[in-house]
PDB file of N, CA and C in Angstrom:
ATOM      1  N   MET A   1     -56.503  33.573  49.721  1.00  0.00           N
ATOM      2  CA  MET A   1     -55.537  34.374  48.991  1.00  0.00           C
ATOM      3  C   MET A   1     -56.206  34.879  47.713  1.00  0.00           C
ATOM      4  N   ILE A   2     -55.884  36.109  47.357  1.00  0.00           N
ATOM      5  CA  ILE A   2     -56.447  36.756  46.167  1.00  0.00           C
ATOM      6  C   ILE A   2     -55.313  37.086  45.203  1.00  0.00           C
ATOM      7  N   PHE A   3     -55.497  36.706  43.940  1.00  0.00           N
ATOM      8  CA  PHE A   3     -54.538  37.070  42.896  1.00  0.00           C
ATOM      9  C   PHE A   3     -54.902  38.455  42.377  1.00  0.00           C
ATOM     10  N   VAL A   4     -53.907  39.339  42.300  1.00  0.00           N
ATOM     11  CA  VAL A   4     -54.133  40.713  41.847  1.00  0.00           C
ATOM     12  C   VAL A   4     -53.584  40.860  40.429  1.00  0.00           C
ATOM     13  N   ASP A   5     -54.460  41.263  39.508  1.00  0.00           N
ATOM     14  CA  ASP A   5     -54.086  41.412  38.108  1.00  0.00           C
ATOM     15  C   ASP A   5     -53.520  42.805  37.830  1.00  0.00           C
ATOM     16  N   THR A   6     -52.925  42.922  36.665  1.00  0.00           N
ATOM     17  CA  THR A   6     -52.258  44.146  36.215  1.00  0.00           C
ATOM     18  C   THR A   6     -53.129  45.381  36.359  1.00  0.00           C
ATOM     19  N   ASN A   7     -54.374  45.285  35.913  1.00  0.00           N
ATOM     20  CA  ASN A   7     -55.222  46.475  35.893  1.00  0.00           C
ATOM     21  C   ASN A   7     -55.512  47.029  37.281  1.00  0.00           C
ATOM     22  N   TYR A   8     -55.524  46.182  38.305  1.00  0.00           N
ATOM     23  CA  TYR A   8     -55.721  46.681  39.676  1.00  0.00           C
ATOM     24  C   TYR A   8     -54.541  47.558  40.098  1.00  0.00           C
ATOM     25  N   PHE A   9     -53.339  47.097  39.813  1.00  0.00           N
ATOM     26  CA  PHE A   9     -52.159  47.899  40.144  1.00  0.00           C
ATOM     27  C   PHE A   9     -52.169  49.216  39.364  1.00  0.00           C
ATOM     28  N   LEU A  10     -52.459  49.136  38.068  1.00  0.00           N
ATOM     29  CA  LEU A  10     -52.448  50.352  37.249  1.00  0.00           C
ATOM     30  C   LEU A  10     -53.512  51.342  37.674  1.00  0.00           C
ATOM     31  N   ARG A  11     -54.727  50.868  37.922  1.00  0.00           N
ATOM     32  CA  ARG A  11     -55.785  51.801  38.339  1.00  0.00           C
ATOM     33  C   ARG A  11     -55.448  52.434  39.691  1.00  0.00           C
ATOM     34  N   PHE A  12     -54.880  51.648  40.599  1.00  0.00           N
ATOM     35  CA  PHE A  12     -54.505  52.174  41.903  1.00  0.00           C
ATOM     36  C   PHE A  12     -53.407  53.228  41.772  1.00  0.00           C
ATOM     37  N   LEU A  13     -52.385  52.930  41.007  1.00  0.00           N
ATOM     38  CA  LEU A  13     -51.235  53.827  40.897  1.00  0.00           C
ATOM     39  C   LEU A  13     -51.498  55.042  40.025  1.00  0.00           C
ATOM     40  N   LEU A  14     -52.202  54.857  38.924  1.00  0.00           N
ATOM     41  CA  LEU A  14     -52.397  55.951  37.970  1.00  0.00           C
ATOM     42  C   LEU A  14     -53.602  56.830  38.290  1.00  0.00           C
ATOM     43  N   LYS A  15     -54.558  56.292  39.028  1.00  0.00           N
ATOM     44  CA  LYS A  15     -55.766  57.037  39.408  1.00  0.00           C
ATOM     45  C   LYS A  15     -56.474  57.631  38.190  1.00  0.00           C
ATOM     46  N   ASP A  16     -56.444  56.915  37.067  1.00  0.00           N
ATOM     47  CA  ASP A  16     -57.055  57.430  35.843  1.00  0.00           C
ATOM     48  C   ASP A  16     -58.511  57.015  35.683  1.00  0.00           C
ATOM     49  N   ASN A  17     -59.004  56.194  36.588  1.00  0.00           N
ATOM     50  CA  ASN A  17     -60.415  55.823  36.648  1.00  0.00           C
ATOM     51  C   ASN A  17     -60.766  55.806  38.133  1.00  0.00           C
ATOM     52  N   GLN A  18     -61.451  56.832  38.578  1.00  0.00           N
ATOM     53  CA  GLN A  18     -61.673  57.011  40.020  1.00  0.00           C
ATOM     54  C   GLN A  18     -62.460  55.864  40.654  1.00  0.00           C
ATOM     55  N   ALA A  19     -63.466  55.351  39.964  1.00  0.00           N
ATOM     56  CA  ALA A  19     -64.255  54.252  40.528  1.00  0.00           C
ATOM     57  C   ALA A  19     -63.384  53.008  40.707  1.00  0.00           C
ATOM     58  N   GLN A  20     -62.602  52.667  39.695  1.00  0.00           N
ATOM     59  CA  GLN A  20     -61.731  51.499  39.792  1.00  0.00           C
ATOM     60  C   GLN A  20     -60.578  51.745  40.770  1.00  0.00           C
ATOM     61  N   HIS A  21     -60.125  52.981  40.848  1.00  0.00           N
ATOM     62  CA  HIS A  21     -59.075  53.321  41.815  1.00  0.00           C
ATOM     63  C   HIS A  21     -59.563  53.036  43.239  1.00  0.00           C
ATOM     64  N   ARG A  22     -60.798  53.434  43.552  1.00  0.00           N
ATOM     65  CA  ARG A  22     -61.353  53.207  44.896  1.00  0.00           C
ATOM     66  C   ARG A  22     -61.456  51.718  45.211  1.00  0.00           C
ATOM     67  N   VAL A  23     -61.914  50.930  44.247  1.00  0.00           N
ATOM     68  CA  VAL A  23     -62.037  49.483  44.452  1.00  0.00           C
ATOM     69  C   VAL A  23     -60.660  48.859  44.680  1.00  0.00           C
ATOM     70  N   ALA A  24     -59.697  49.249  43.869  1.00  0.00           N
ATOM     71  CA  ALA A  24     -58.332  48.724  44.017  1.00  0.00           C
ATOM     72  C   ALA A  24     -57.738  49.152  45.359  1.00  0.00           C
ATOM     73  N   LYS A  25     -57.970  50.400  45.733  1.00  0.00           N
ATOM     74  CA  LYS A  25     -57.461  50.902  47.009  1.00  0.00           C
ATOM     75  C   LYS A  25     -58.027  50.102  48.178  1.00  0.00           C
ATOM     76  N   GLU A  26     -59.308  49.773  48.121  1.00  0.00           N
ATOM     77  CA  GLU A  26     -59.930  48.963  49.176  1.00  0.00           C
ATOM     78  C   GLU A  26     -59.251  47.602  49.289  1.00  0.00           C
ATOM     79  N   LEU A  27     -58.964  46.994  48.154  1.00  0.00           N
ATOM     80  CA  LEU A  27     -58.291  45.696  48.170  1.00  0.00           C
ATOM     81  C   LEU A  27     -56.902  45.813  48.795  1.00  0.00           C
ATOM     82  N   PHE A  28     -56.146  46.819  48.391  1.00  0.00           N
ATOM     83  CA  PHE A  28     -54.799  46.988  48.930  1.00  0.00           C
ATOM     84  C   PHE A  28     -54.825  47.347  50.416  1.00  0.00           C
ATOM     85  N   LEU A  29     -55.816  48.095  50.843  1.00  0.00           N
ATOM     86  CA  LEU A  29     -55.958  48.387  52.272  1.00  0.00           C
ATOM     87  C   LEU A  29     -56.273  47.112  53.052  1.00  0.00           C
ATOM     88  N   ALA A  30     -57.124  46.260  52.480  1.00  0.00           N
ATOM     89  CA  ALA A  30     -57.433  44.980  53.134  1.00  0.00           C
ATOM     90  C   ALA A  30     -56.169  44.121  53.221  1.00  0.00           C
ATOM     91  N   GLY A  31     -55.345  44.158  52.188  1.00  0.00           N
ATOM     92  CA  GLY A  31     -54.091  43.412  52.210  1.00  0.00           C
ATOM     93  C   GLY A  31     -53.113  43.972  53.216  1.00  0.00           C
ATOM     94  N   SER A  32     -52.997  45.287  53.242  1.00  0.00           N
ATOM     95  CA  SER A  32     -52.026  45.903  54.156  1.00  0.00           C
ATOM     96  C   SER A  32     -52.417  45.750  55.614  1.00  0.00           C
ATOM     97  N   SER A  33     -53.715  45.600  55.890  1.00  0.00           N
ATOM     98  CA  SER A  33     -54.168  45.419  57.276  1.00  0.00           C
ATOM     99  C   SER A  33     -54.184  43.946  57.687  1.00  0.00           C
ATOM    100  N   GLY A  34     -53.865  43.062  56.754  1.00  0.00           N
ATOM    101  CA  GLY A  34     -53.818  41.637  57.067  1.00  0.00           C
ATOM    102  C   GLY A  34     -55.164  40.932  56.959  1.00  0.00           C
ATOM    103  N   LYS A  35     -56.176  41.627  56.486  1.00  0.00           N
ATOM    104  CA  LYS A  35     -57.500  41.011  56.354  1.00  0.00           C
ATOM    105  C   LYS A  35     -57.545  39.978  55.235  1.00  0.00           C
ATOM    106  N   THR A  36     -56.686  40.154  54.257  1.00  0.00           N
ATOM    107  CA  THR A  36     -56.622  39.214  53.150  1.00  0.00           C
ATOM    108  C   THR A  36     -55.187  39.114  52.650  1.00  0.00           C
ATOM    109  N   GLN A  37     -54.866  37.992  52.042  1.00  0.00           N
ATOM    110  CA  GLN A  37     -53.533  37.801  51.474  1.00  0.00           C
ATOM    111  C   GLN A  37     -53.600  38.081  49.981  1.00  0.00           C
ATOM    112  N   LEU A  38     -52.624  38.823  49.489  1.00  0.00           N
ATOM    113  CA  LEU A  38     -52.578  39.178  48.079  1.00  0.00           C
ATOM    114  C   LEU A  38     -51.342  38.562  47.432  1.00  0.00           C
ATOM    115  N   PHE A  39     -51.492  38.189  46.163  1.00  0.00           N
ATOM    116  CA  PHE A  39     -50.396  37.596  45.416  1.00  0.00           C
ATOM    117  C   PHE A  39     -50.505  38.038  43.967  1.00  0.00           C
ATOM    118  N   THR A  40     -49.345  38.170  43.309  1.00  0.00           N
ATOM    119  CA  THR A  40     -49.327  38.444  41.879  1.00  0.00           C
ATOM    120  C   THR A  40     -48.135  37.730  41.257  1.00  0.00           C
ATOM    121  N   SER A  41     -48.068  37.780  39.945  1.00  0.00           N
ATOM    122  CA  SER A  41     -47.036  37.032  39.225  1.00  0.00           C
ATOM    123  C   SER A  41     -46.020  37.957  38.562  1.00  0.00           C
ATOM    124  N   LEU A  42     -44.955  37.350  38.108  1.00  0.00           N
ATOM    125  CA  LEU A  42     -43.966  38.093  37.326  1.00  0.00           C
ATOM    126  C   LEU A  42     -44.574  38.619  36.033  1.00  0.00           C
ATOM    127  N   ILE A  43     -45.484  37.857  35.462  1.00  0.00           N
ATOM    128  CA  ILE A  43     -46.154  38.313  34.237  1.00  0.00           C
ATOM    129  C   ILE A  43     -46.829  39.652  34.485  1.00  0.00           C
ATOM    130  N   VAL A  44     -47.481  39.802  35.623  1.00  0.00           N
ATOM    131  CA  VAL A  44     -48.143  41.065  35.966  1.00  0.00           C
ATOM    132  C   VAL A  44     -47.117  42.183  36.072  1.00  0.00           C
ATOM    133  N   ILE A  45     -45.997  41.931  36.722  1.00  0.00           N
ATOM    134  CA  ILE A  45     -44.950  42.951  36.846  1.00  0.00           C
ATOM    135  C   ILE A  45     -44.473  43.393  35.466  1.00  0.00           C
ATOM    136  N   PHE A  46     -44.242  42.427  34.578  1.00  0.00           N
ATOM    137  CA  PHE A  46     -43.799  42.770  33.230  1.00  0.00           C
ATOM    138  C   PHE A  46     -44.897  43.439  32.411  1.00  0.00           C
ATOM    139  N   GLU A  47     -46.154  43.086  32.636  1.00  0.00           N
ATOM    140  CA  GLU A  47     -47.256  43.789  31.962  1.00  0.00           C
ATOM    141  C   GLU A  47     -47.324  45.243  32.409  1.00  0.00           C
ATOM    142  N   ILE A  48     -47.144  45.486  33.697  1.00  0.00           N
ATOM    143  CA  ILE A  48     -47.139  46.865  34.208  1.00  0.00           C
ATOM    144  C   ILE A  48     -46.019  47.648  33.511  1.00  0.00           C
ATOM    145  N   TYR A  49     -44.837  47.051  33.471  1.00  0.00           N
ATOM    146  CA  TYR A  49     -43.686  47.668  32.795  1.00  0.00           C
ATOM    147  C   TYR A  49     -44.029  47.974  31.338  1.00  0.00           C
ATOM    148  N   TRP A  50     -44.586  46.989  30.636  1.00  0.00           N
ATOM    149  CA  TRP A  50     -44.888  47.161  29.227  1.00  0.00           C
ATOM    150  C   TRP A  50     -45.951  48.237  28.996  1.00  0.00           C
ATOM    151  N   VAL A  51     -47.037  48.197  29.762  1.00  0.00           N
ATOM    152  CA  VAL A  51     -48.117  49.176  29.597  1.00  0.00           C
ATOM    153  C   VAL A  51     -47.601  50.584  29.881  1.00  0.00           C
ATOM    154  N   LEU A  52     -46.832  50.734  30.944  1.00  0.00           N
ATOM    155  CA  LEU A  52     -46.308  52.063  31.273  1.00  0.00           C
ATOM    156  C   LEU A  52     -45.357  52.580  30.192  1.00  0.00           C
ATOM    157  N   SER A  53     -44.484  51.711  29.698  1.00  0.00           N
ATOM    158  CA  SER A  53     -43.496  52.166  28.720  1.00  0.00           C
ATOM    159  C   SER A  53     -44.081  52.345  27.325  1.00  0.00           C
ATOM    160  N   SER A  54     -44.961  51.452  26.906  1.00  0.00           N
ATOM    161  CA  SER A  54     -45.452  51.546  25.531  1.00  0.00           C
ATOM    162  C   SER A  54     -46.750  52.351  25.413  1.00  0.00           C
ATOM    163  N   PHE A  55     -47.751  52.010  26.193  1.00  0.00           N
ATOM    164  CA  PHE A  55     -49.039  52.689  26.071  1.00  0.00           C
ATOM    165  C   PHE A  55     -48.998  54.103  26.661  1.00  0.00           C
ATOM    166  N   TYR A  56     -48.479  54.230  27.874  1.00  0.00           N
ATOM    167  CA  TYR A  56     -48.442  55.540  28.538  1.00  0.00           C
ATOM    168  C   TYR A  56     -47.160  56.312  28.247  1.00  0.00           C
ATOM    169  N   GLN A  57     -46.206  55.665  27.591  1.00  0.00           N
ATOM    170  CA  GLN A  57     -44.911  56.271  27.248  1.00  0.00           C
ATOM    171  C   GLN A  57     -44.265  56.967  28.456  1.00  0.00           C
ATOM    172  N   THR A  58     -44.285  56.255  29.557  1.00  0.00           N
ATOM    173  CA  THR A  58     -43.714  56.743  30.802  1.00  0.00           C
ATOM    174  C   THR A  58     -42.199  56.654  30.729  1.00  0.00           C
ATOM    175  N   LYS A  59     -41.525  57.642  31.278  1.00  0.00           N
ATOM    176  CA  LYS A  59     -40.058  57.652  31.280  1.00  0.00           C
ATOM    177  C   LYS A  59     -39.518  56.556  32.194  1.00  0.00           C
ATOM    178  N   LYS A  60     -38.344  56.093  31.850  1.00  0.00           N
ATOM    179  CA  LYS A  60     -37.703  54.991  32.571  1.00  0.00           C
ATOM    180  C   LYS A  60     -37.619  55.259  34.074  1.00  0.00           C
ATOM    181  N   GLU A  61     -37.255  56.449  34.464  1.00  0.00           N
ATOM    182  CA  GLU A  61     -37.097  56.782  35.884  1.00  0.00           C
ATOM    183  C   GLU A  61     -38.417  56.620  36.635  1.00  0.00           C
ATOM    184  N   ARG A  62     -39.499  57.035  36.014  1.00  0.00           N
ATOM    185  CA  ARG A  62     -40.828  56.918  36.643  1.00  0.00           C
ATOM    186  C   ARG A  62     -41.261  55.458  36.722  1.00  0.00           C
ATOM    187  N   ILE A  63     -40.987  54.700  35.667  1.00  0.00           N
ATOM    188  CA  ILE A  63     -41.305  53.268  35.677  1.00  0.00           C
ATOM    189  C   ILE A  63     -40.572  52.583  36.822  1.00  0.00           C
ATOM    190  N   ILE A  64     -39.318  52.912  36.993  1.00  0.00           N
ATOM    191  CA  ILE A  64     -38.517  52.319  38.074  1.00  0.00           C
ATOM    192  C   ILE A  64     -39.147  52.635  39.423  1.00  0.00           C
ATOM    193  N   LEU A  65     -39.529  53.877  39.642  1.00  0.00           N
ATOM    194  CA  LEU A  65     -40.151  54.264  40.916  1.00  0.00           C
ATOM    195  C   LEU A  65     -41.452  53.494  41.163  1.00  0.00           C
ATOM    196  N   ILE A  66     -42.266  53.360  40.141  1.00  0.00           N
ATOM    197  CA  ILE A  66     -43.537  52.646  40.275  1.00  0.00           C
ATOM    198  C   ILE A  66     -43.292  51.182  40.597  1.00  0.00           C
ATOM    199  N   LEU A  67     -42.389  50.543  39.853  1.00  0.00           N
ATOM    200  CA  LEU A  67     -42.115  49.128  40.094  1.00  0.00           C
ATOM    201  C   LEU A  67     -41.482  48.902  41.464  1.00  0.00           C
ATOM    202  N   GLU A  68     -40.631  49.825  41.890  1.00  0.00           N
ATOM    203  CA  GLU A  68     -40.046  49.708  43.232  1.00  0.00           C
ATOM    204  C   GLU A  68     -41.130  49.757  44.299  1.00  0.00           C
ATOM    205  N   LYS A  69     -42.097  50.649  44.123  1.00  0.00           N
ATOM    206  CA  LYS A  69     -43.199  50.739  45.089  1.00  0.00           C
ATOM    207  C   LYS A  69     -43.955  49.420  45.170  1.00  0.00           C
ATOM    208  N   ILE A  70     -44.240  48.841  44.025  1.00  0.00           N
ATOM    209  CA  ILE A  70     -44.967  47.572  44.003  1.00  0.00           C
ATOM    210  C   ILE A  70     -44.140  46.473  44.657  1.00  0.00           C
ATOM    211  N   LEU A  71     -42.867  46.370  44.280  1.00  0.00           N
ATOM    212  CA  LEU A  71     -42.013  45.310  44.808  1.00  0.00           C
ATOM    213  C   LEU A  71     -41.753  45.463  46.301  1.00  0.00           C
ATOM    214  N   ASN A  72     -41.907  46.658  46.822  1.00  0.00           N
ATOM    215  CA  ASN A  72     -41.693  46.892  48.245  1.00  0.00           C
ATOM    216  C   ASN A  72     -42.957  46.741  49.084  1.00  0.00           C
ATOM    217  N   LEU A  73     -44.070  46.412  48.447  1.00  0.00           N
ATOM    218  CA  LEU A  73     -45.301  46.158  49.204  1.00  0.00           C
ATOM    219  C   LEU A  73     -45.142  44.817  49.916  1.00  0.00           C
ATOM    220  N   GLU A  74     -44.951  44.864  51.207  1.00  0.00           N
ATOM    221  CA  GLU A  74     -44.721  43.649  51.993  1.00  0.00           C
ATOM    222  C   GLU A  74     -45.919  42.717  52.002  1.00  0.00           C
ATOM    223  N   PHE A  75     -47.095  43.258  51.796  1.00  0.00           N
ATOM    224  CA  PHE A  75     -48.315  42.466  51.899  1.00  0.00           C
ATOM    225  C   PHE A  75     -48.749  41.847  50.568  1.00  0.00           C
ATOM    226  N   VAL A  76     -47.933  42.007  49.519  1.00  0.00           N
ATOM    227  CA  VAL A  76     -48.231  41.381  48.231  1.00  0.00           C
ATOM    228  C   VAL A  76     -47.139  40.362  47.928  1.00  0.00           C
ATOM    229  N   GLY A  77     -47.518  39.106  47.820  1.00  0.00           N
ATOM    230  CA  GLY A  77     -46.575  38.072  47.431  1.00  0.00           C
ATOM    231  C   GLY A  77     -46.318  38.148  45.941  1.00  0.00           C
ATOM    232  N   ILE A  78     -45.058  38.051  45.560  1.00  0.00           N
ATOM    233  CA  ILE A  78     -44.676  38.090  44.141  1.00  0.00           C
ATOM    234  C   ILE A  78     -43.660  36.988  43.915  1.00  0.00           C
ATOM    235  N   GLU A  79     -43.908  36.151  42.920  1.00  0.00           N
ATOM    236  CA  GLU A  79     -42.974  35.073  42.634  1.00  0.00           C
ATOM    237  C   GLU A  79     -41.619  35.657  42.213  1.00  0.00           C
ATOM    238  N   ASN A  80     -40.553  35.029  42.684  1.00  0.00           N
ATOM    239  CA  ASN A  80     -39.180  35.453  42.370  1.00  0.00           C
ATOM    240  C   ASN A  80     -38.950  36.939  42.674  1.00  0.00           C
ATOM    241  N   LYS A  81     -39.512  37.391  43.771  1.00  0.00           N
ATOM    242  CA  LYS A  81     -39.454  38.814  44.130  1.00  0.00           C
ATOM    243  C   LYS A  81     -38.023  39.335  44.228  1.00  0.00           C
ATOM    244  N   GLU A  82     -37.138  38.572  44.834  1.00  0.00           N
ATOM    245  CA  GLU A  82     -35.758  39.050  44.990  1.00  0.00           C
ATOM    246  C   GLU A  82     -35.040  39.134  43.654  1.00  0.00           C
ATOM    247  N   ILE A  83     -35.341  38.213  42.756  1.00  0.00           N
ATOM    248  CA  ILE A  83     -34.695  38.241  41.443  1.00  0.00           C
ATOM    249  C   ILE A  83     -35.183  39.438  40.639  1.00  0.00           C
ATOM    250  N   ILE A  84     -36.468  39.721  40.660  1.00  0.00           N
ATOM    251  CA  ILE A  84     -36.972  40.873  39.913  1.00  0.00           C
ATOM    252  C   ILE A  84     -36.481  42.179  40.534  1.00  0.00           C
ATOM    253  N   LYS A  85     -36.314  42.211  41.859  1.00  0.00           N
ATOM    254  CA  LYS A  85     -35.746  43.406  42.496  1.00  0.00           C
ATOM    255  C   LYS A  85     -34.314  43.646  42.017  1.00  0.00           C
ATOM    256  N   GLU A  86     -33.534  42.582  41.969  1.00  0.00           N
ATOM    257  CA  GLU A  86     -32.154  42.703  41.495  1.00  0.00           C
ATOM    258  C   GLU A  86     -32.126  43.099  40.015  1.00  0.00           C
ATOM    259  N   ALA A  87     -33.042  42.550  39.235  1.00  0.00           N
ATOM    260  CA  ALA A  87     -33.131  42.908  37.816  1.00  0.00           C
ATOM    261  C   ALA A  87     -33.482  44.385  37.648  1.00  0.00           C
ATOM    262  N   LEU A  88     -34.350  44.890  38.503  1.00  0.00           N
ATOM    263  CA  LEU A  88     -34.720  46.302  38.441  1.00  0.00           C
ATOM    264  C   LEU A  88     -33.519  47.183  38.761  1.00  0.00           C
ATOM    265  N   GLU A  89     -32.691  46.751  39.697  1.00  0.00           N
ATOM    266  CA  GLU A  89     -31.461  47.497  40.010  1.00  0.00           C
ATOM    267  C   GLU A  89     -30.536  47.531  38.790  1.00  0.00           C
ATOM    268  N   MET A  90     -30.417  46.401  38.098  1.00  0.00           N
ATOM    269  CA  MET A  90     -29.599  46.349  36.890  1.00  0.00           C
ATOM    270  C   MET A  90     -30.192  47.238  35.804  1.00  0.00           C
ATOM    271  N   TYR A  91     -31.509  47.215  35.676  1.00  0.00           N
ATOM    272  CA  TYR A  91     -32.210  48.036  34.687  1.00  0.00           C
ATOM    273  C   TYR A  91     -31.919  49.525  34.912  1.00  0.00           C
ATOM    274  N   LYS A  92     -31.847  49.935  36.171  1.00  0.00           N
ATOM    275  CA  LYS A  92     -31.526  51.325  36.511  1.00  0.00           C
ATOM    276  C   LYS A  92     -30.176  51.746  35.952  1.00  0.00           C
ATOM    277  N   LYS A  93     -29.219  50.826  35.987  1.00  0.00           N
ATOM    278  CA  LYS A  93     -27.822  51.152  35.714  1.00  0.00           C
ATOM    279  C   LYS A  93     -27.362  50.854  34.296  1.00  0.00           C
ATOM    280  N   THR A  94     -28.223  50.225  33.497  1.00  0.00           N
ATOM    281  CA  THR A  94     -27.806  49.824  32.155  1.00  0.00           C
ATOM    282  C   THR A  94     -28.793  50.322  31.107  1.00  0.00           C
ATOM    283  N   SER A  95     -28.454  50.085  29.869  1.00  0.00           N
ATOM    284  CA  SER A  95     -29.364  50.427  28.770  1.00  0.00           C
ATOM    285  C   SER A  95     -30.179  49.221  28.329  1.00  0.00           C
ATOM    286  N   LEU A  96     -30.076  48.106  29.046  1.00  0.00           N
ATOM    287  CA  LEU A  96     -30.853  46.917  28.725  1.00  0.00           C
ATOM    288  C   LEU A  96     -32.313  47.105  29.113  1.00  0.00           C
ATOM    289  N   GLU A  97     -33.176  46.371  28.447  1.00  0.00           N
ATOM    290  CA  GLU A  97     -34.582  46.350  28.826  1.00  0.00           C
ATOM    291  C   GLU A  97     -34.736  45.500  30.082  1.00  0.00           C
ATOM    292  N   LEU A  98     -35.824  45.706  30.794  1.00  0.00           N
ATOM    293  CA  LEU A  98     -36.055  44.998  32.053  1.00  0.00           C
ATOM    294  C   LEU A  98     -36.063  43.488  31.859  1.00  0.00           C
ATOM    295  N   GLU A  99     -36.659  43.006  30.785  1.00  0.00           N
ATOM    296  CA  GLU A  99     -36.728  41.561  30.568  1.00  0.00           C
ATOM    297  C   GLU A  99     -35.333  40.945  30.378  1.00  0.00           C
ATOM    298  N   ASP A 100     -34.426  41.687  29.724  1.00  0.00           N
ATOM    299  CA  ASP A 100     -33.054  41.197  29.577  1.00  0.00           C
ATOM    300  C   ASP A 100     -32.334  41.174  30.925  1.00  0.00           C
ATOM    301  N   CYS A 101     -32.563  42.194  31.717  1.00  0.00           N
ATOM    302  CA  CYS A 101     -31.967  42.235  33.056  1.00  0.00           C
ATOM    303  C   CYS A 101     -32.467  41.063  33.889  1.00  0.00           C
ATOM    304  N   TYR A 102     -33.758  40.800  33.813  1.00  0.00           N
ATOM    305  CA  TYR A 102     -34.315  39.672  34.563  1.00  0.00           C
ATOM    306  C   TYR A 102     -33.679  38.361  34.123  1.00  0.00           C
ATOM    307  N   ASN A 103     -33.563  38.171  32.827  1.00  0.00           N
ATOM    308  CA  ASN A 103     -32.978  36.930  32.327  1.00  0.00           C
ATOM    309  C   ASN A 103     -31.529  36.759  32.776  1.00  0.00           C
ATOM    310  N   LEU A 104     -30.773  37.848  32.796  1.00  0.00           N
ATOM    311  CA  LEU A 104     -29.387  37.773  33.270  1.00  0.00           C
ATOM    312  C   LEU A 104     -29.323  37.417  34.749  1.00  0.00           C
ATOM    313  N   VAL A 105     -30.110  38.091  35.555  1.00  0.00           N
ATOM    314  CA  VAL A 105     -30.111  37.832  36.997  1.00  0.00           C
ATOM    315  C   VAL A 105     -30.567  36.406  37.276  1.00  0.00           C
ATOM    316  N   LEU A 106     -31.589  35.963  36.590  1.00  0.00           N
ATOM    317  CA  LEU A 106     -32.089  34.599  36.777  1.00  0.00           C
ATOM    318  C   LEU A 106     -31.030  33.577  36.381  1.00  0.00           C
ATOM    319  N   ALA A 107     -30.392  33.795  35.244  1.00  0.00           N
ATOM    320  CA  ALA A 107     -29.342  32.863  34.801  1.00  0.00           C
ATOM    321  C   ALA A 107     -28.225  32.776  35.838  1.00  0.00           C
ATOM    322  N   ARG A 108     -27.813  33.905  36.347  1.00  0.00           N
ATOM    323  CA  ARG A 108     -26.762  33.915  37.384  1.00  0.00           C
ATOM    324  C   ARG A 108     -27.234  33.183  38.642  1.00  0.00           C
ATOM    325  N   ALA A 109     -28.467  33.433  39.047  1.00  0.00           N
ATOM    326  CA  ALA A 109     -29.005  32.795  40.256  1.00  0.00           C
ATOM    327  C   ALA A 109     -29.078  31.286  40.101  1.00  0.00           C
ATOM    328  N   LEU A 110     -29.293  30.830  38.898  1.00  0.00           N
ATOM    329  CA  LEU A 110     -29.370  29.399  38.626  1.00  0.00           C
ATOM    330  C   LEU A 110     -27.995  28.766  38.388  1.00  0.00           C
ATOM    331  N   GLY A 111     -26.950  29.598  38.427  1.00  0.00           N
ATOM    332  CA  GLY A 111     -25.600  29.085  38.237  1.00  0.00           C
ATOM    333  C   GLY A 111     -25.258  28.792  36.792  1.00  0.00           C
ATOM    334  N   ILE A 112     -25.989  29.362  35.876  1.00  0.00           N
ATOM    335  CA  ILE A 112     -25.719  29.152  34.453  1.00  0.00           C
ATOM    336  C   ILE A 112     -24.424  29.868  34.088  1.00  0.00           C
ATOM    337  N   LYS A 113     -23.572  29.179  33.371  1.00  0.00           N
ATOM    338  CA  LYS A 113     -22.231  29.695  33.057  1.00  0.00           C
ATOM    339  C   LYS A 113     -22.128  30.329  31.679  1.00  0.00           C
ATOM    340  N   GLU A 114     -23.112  30.112  30.833  1.00  0.00           N
ATOM    341  CA  GLU A 114     -23.027  30.636  29.473  1.00  0.00           C
ATOM    342  C   GLU A 114     -24.420  31.020  29.004  1.00  0.00           C
ATOM    343  N   ILE A 115     -24.470  32.072  28.198  1.00  0.00           N
ATOM    344  CA  ILE A 115     -25.740  32.505  27.630  1.00  0.00           C
ATOM    345  C   ILE A 115     -25.546  32.667  26.127  1.00  0.00           C
ATOM    346  N   LYS A 116     -26.523  32.256  25.374  1.00  0.00           N
ATOM    347  CA  LYS A 116     -26.494  32.407  23.918  1.00  0.00           C
ATOM    348  C   LYS A 116     -27.493  33.485  23.531  1.00  0.00           C
ATOM    349  N   SER A 117     -26.995  34.506  22.854  1.00  0.00           N
ATOM    350  CA  SER A 117     -27.836  35.603  22.410  1.00  0.00           C
ATOM    351  C   SER A 117     -27.110  36.338  21.301  1.00  0.00           C
ATOM    352  N   PHE A 118     -27.856  36.969  20.423  1.00  0.00           N
ATOM    353  CA  PHE A 118     -27.270  37.834  19.405  1.00  0.00           C
ATOM    354  C   PHE A 118     -27.207  39.282  19.898  1.00  0.00           C
ATOM    355  N   ASP A 119     -27.687  39.525  21.108  1.00  0.00           N
ATOM    356  CA  ASP A 119     -27.689  40.852  21.714  1.00  0.00           C
ATOM    357  C   ASP A 119     -26.330  41.089  22.361  1.00  0.00           C
ATOM    358  N   LYS A 120     -25.520  41.937  21.740  1.00  0.00           N
ATOM    359  CA  LYS A 120     -24.151  42.167  22.222  1.00  0.00           C
ATOM    360  C   LYS A 120     -24.117  42.858  23.582  1.00  0.00           C
ATOM    361  N   LYS A 121     -25.060  43.750  23.859  1.00  0.00           N
ATOM    362  CA  LYS A 121     -25.119  44.401  25.168  1.00  0.00           C
ATOM    363  C   LYS A 121     -25.383  43.369  26.261  1.00  0.00           C
ATOM    364  N   LEU A 122     -26.281  42.466  25.973  1.00  0.00           N
ATOM    365  CA  LEU A 122     -26.624  41.401  26.927  1.00  0.00           C
ATOM    366  C   LEU A 122     -25.408  40.515  27.191  1.00  0.00           C
ATOM    367  N   LEU A 123     -24.727  40.128  26.140  1.00  0.00           N
ATOM    368  CA  LEU A 123     -23.558  39.252  26.282  1.00  0.00           C
ATOM    369  C   LEU A 123     -22.430  39.930  27.072  1.00  0.00           C
ATOM    370  N   ARG A 124     -22.239  41.221  26.856  1.00  0.00           N
ATOM    371  CA  ARG A 124     -21.192  41.961  27.575  1.00  0.00           C
ATOM    372  C   ARG A 124     -21.430  41.941  29.075  1.00  0.00           C
ATOM    373  N   LEU A 125     -22.685  42.043  29.473  1.00  0.00           N
ATOM    374  CA  LEU A 125     -23.008  42.097  30.903  1.00  0.00           C
ATOM    375  C   LEU A 125     -23.042  40.733  31.571  1.00  0.00           C
ATOM    376  N   PHE A 126     -23.128  39.664  30.778  1.00  0.00           N
ATOM    377  CA  PHE A 126     -23.156  38.337  31.366  1.00  0.00           C
ATOM    378  C   PHE A 126     -21.748  37.946  31.766  1.00  0.00           C
TER     379      PHE A 126
END
């Protein structure tokens, strides 16, 4: 199994460095053909979100499309994949940041009955 870091996803998706894009593409092709198993973490998903929104100043709609593509890659294992997918759906429909959506979905999945926060938008949705 191979762990895939943030920069591999970004180079593959953004194609802003052709040499690194080709290397990343080869890895993803090997994963999609079953030659190797790929895995990544929630931290990587949130890093992709952060880099796209802050460094590249990508619009929310485009970020959602990119993250959906990654989360729908059947050949890449992602921890808590269903929870982050549900959080992304919430992110689409609200003005909350993705990390707040994730925390809400996770709390609900864990059966947590109360959340403490000074964020009034977050509290309203819980």
